[in-house]
Amino acid sequence: MDTITLILIVIGALNWGLIGIFQFDLVAAVFGGMSGVFARIIYTLVGLAGIWGITMLFRKRNRAGIMSEDRE
């Protein structure tokens, strides 16, 4: 789940970079405009990934660098 989340966050970040630098929305261009059904699904998935990514900030890592829940 975390890997998929990070991929979606990167897609969102790259898309925002393109919008900021070139005023070009890649997701809208590929999936039929901002109001297209598929584009809205992608935007929603990226938004949900961002919310999941927030939880990743507060998880502890073990010595191997793997995130784990604190069960103490």
Protein backbone atom coordinates (compact mmCIF):
# COMPACT_ATOMS: atom_id res chain seq x y z
CA MET A 1 0.00 0.00 0.00
CA ASP A 2 2.81 2.41 0.86
CA THR A 3 4.54 1.85 -2.49
CA ILE A 4 1.35 2.59 -4.44
CA THR A 5 0.82 5.65 -2.28
CA LEU A 6 4.31 6.96 -2.99
CA ILE A 7 3.88 6.38 -6.74
CA LEU A 8 0.62 8.35 -6.74
CA ILE A 9 2.17 11.13 -4.67
CA VAL A 10 5.05 11.39 -7.16
CA ILE A 11 2.58 11.49 -10.08
CA GLY A 12 0.69 14.28 -8.33
CA ALA A 13 3.86 16.22 -7.56
CA LEU A 14 5.11 15.95 -11.15
CA ASN A 15 1.73 17.03 -12.46
CA TRP A 16 1.72 20.06 -10.15
CA GLY A 17 5.26 20.88 -11.28
CA LEU A 18 4.15 20.81 -14.91
CA ILE A 19 1.20 23.04 -14.08
CA GLY A 20 3.39 25.50 -12.19
CA ILE A 21 6.18 25.71 -14.76
CA PHE A 22 4.46 25.14 -18.09
CA GLN A 23 0.74 25.63 -17.29
CA PHE A 24 0.20 22.10 -18.63
CA ASP A 25 -1.98 19.58 -16.80
CA LEU A 26 -0.72 16.17 -17.94
CA VAL A 27 -3.48 14.22 -16.20
CA ALA A 28 -6.17 16.31 -17.88
CA ALA A 29 -4.43 16.05 -21.24
CA VAL A 30 -4.13 12.26 -21.06
CA PHE A 31 -7.51 11.50 -19.49
CA GLY A 32 -9.85 13.92 -21.27
CA GLY A 33 -9.87 17.25 -19.47
CA MET A 34 -10.27 18.16 -15.81
CA SER A 35 -13.95 17.25 -15.82
CA GLY A 36 -13.41 13.88 -17.52
CA VAL A 37 -14.39 10.86 -15.46
CA PHE A 38 -10.98 9.18 -15.65
CA ALA A 39 -9.14 12.41 -14.81
CA ARG A 40 -11.36 12.92 -11.76
CA ILE A 41 -10.64 9.35 -10.65
CA ILE A 42 -6.88 9.99 -10.95
CA TYR A 43 -7.18 13.29 -9.05
CA THR A 44 -9.17 11.52 -6.31
CA LEU A 45 -6.65 8.67 -6.03
CA VAL A 46 -3.77 11.15 -5.79
CA GLY A 47 -5.65 13.07 -3.09
CA LEU A 48 -6.31 9.90 -1.11
CA ALA A 49 -2.65 8.94 -1.50
CA GLY A 50 -1.69 12.31 -0.05
CA ILE A 51 -3.89 11.65 2.98
CA TRP A 52 -2.34 8.19 3.42
CA GLY A 53 1.09 9.79 3.01
CA ILE A 54 0.39 11.96 6.06
CA THR A 55 0.09 8.80 8.16
CA MET A 56 3.49 7.70 6.86
CA LEU A 57 5.06 10.77 8.49
CA PHE A 58 4.03 9.65 11.96
CA ARG A 59 5.03 5.99 11.79
CA LYS A 60 8.19 4.82 13.49
CA ARG A 61 10.91 3.02 11.56
CA ASN A 62 12.79 0.00 12.82
CA ARG A 63 16.53 -0.47 12.35
CA ALA A 64 16.04 -1.89 8.84
CA GLY A 65 14.24 1.29 7.79
CA ILE A 66 10.88 -0.46 7.60
CA MET A 67 7.91 1.44 8.96
CA SER A 68 6.09 -0.21 11.83
CA GLU A 69 3.26 0.61 14.18
CA ASP A 70 4.14 1.48 17.76
CA ARG A 71 2.58 -1.25 19.91
CA GLU A 72 3.93 -0.25 23.31
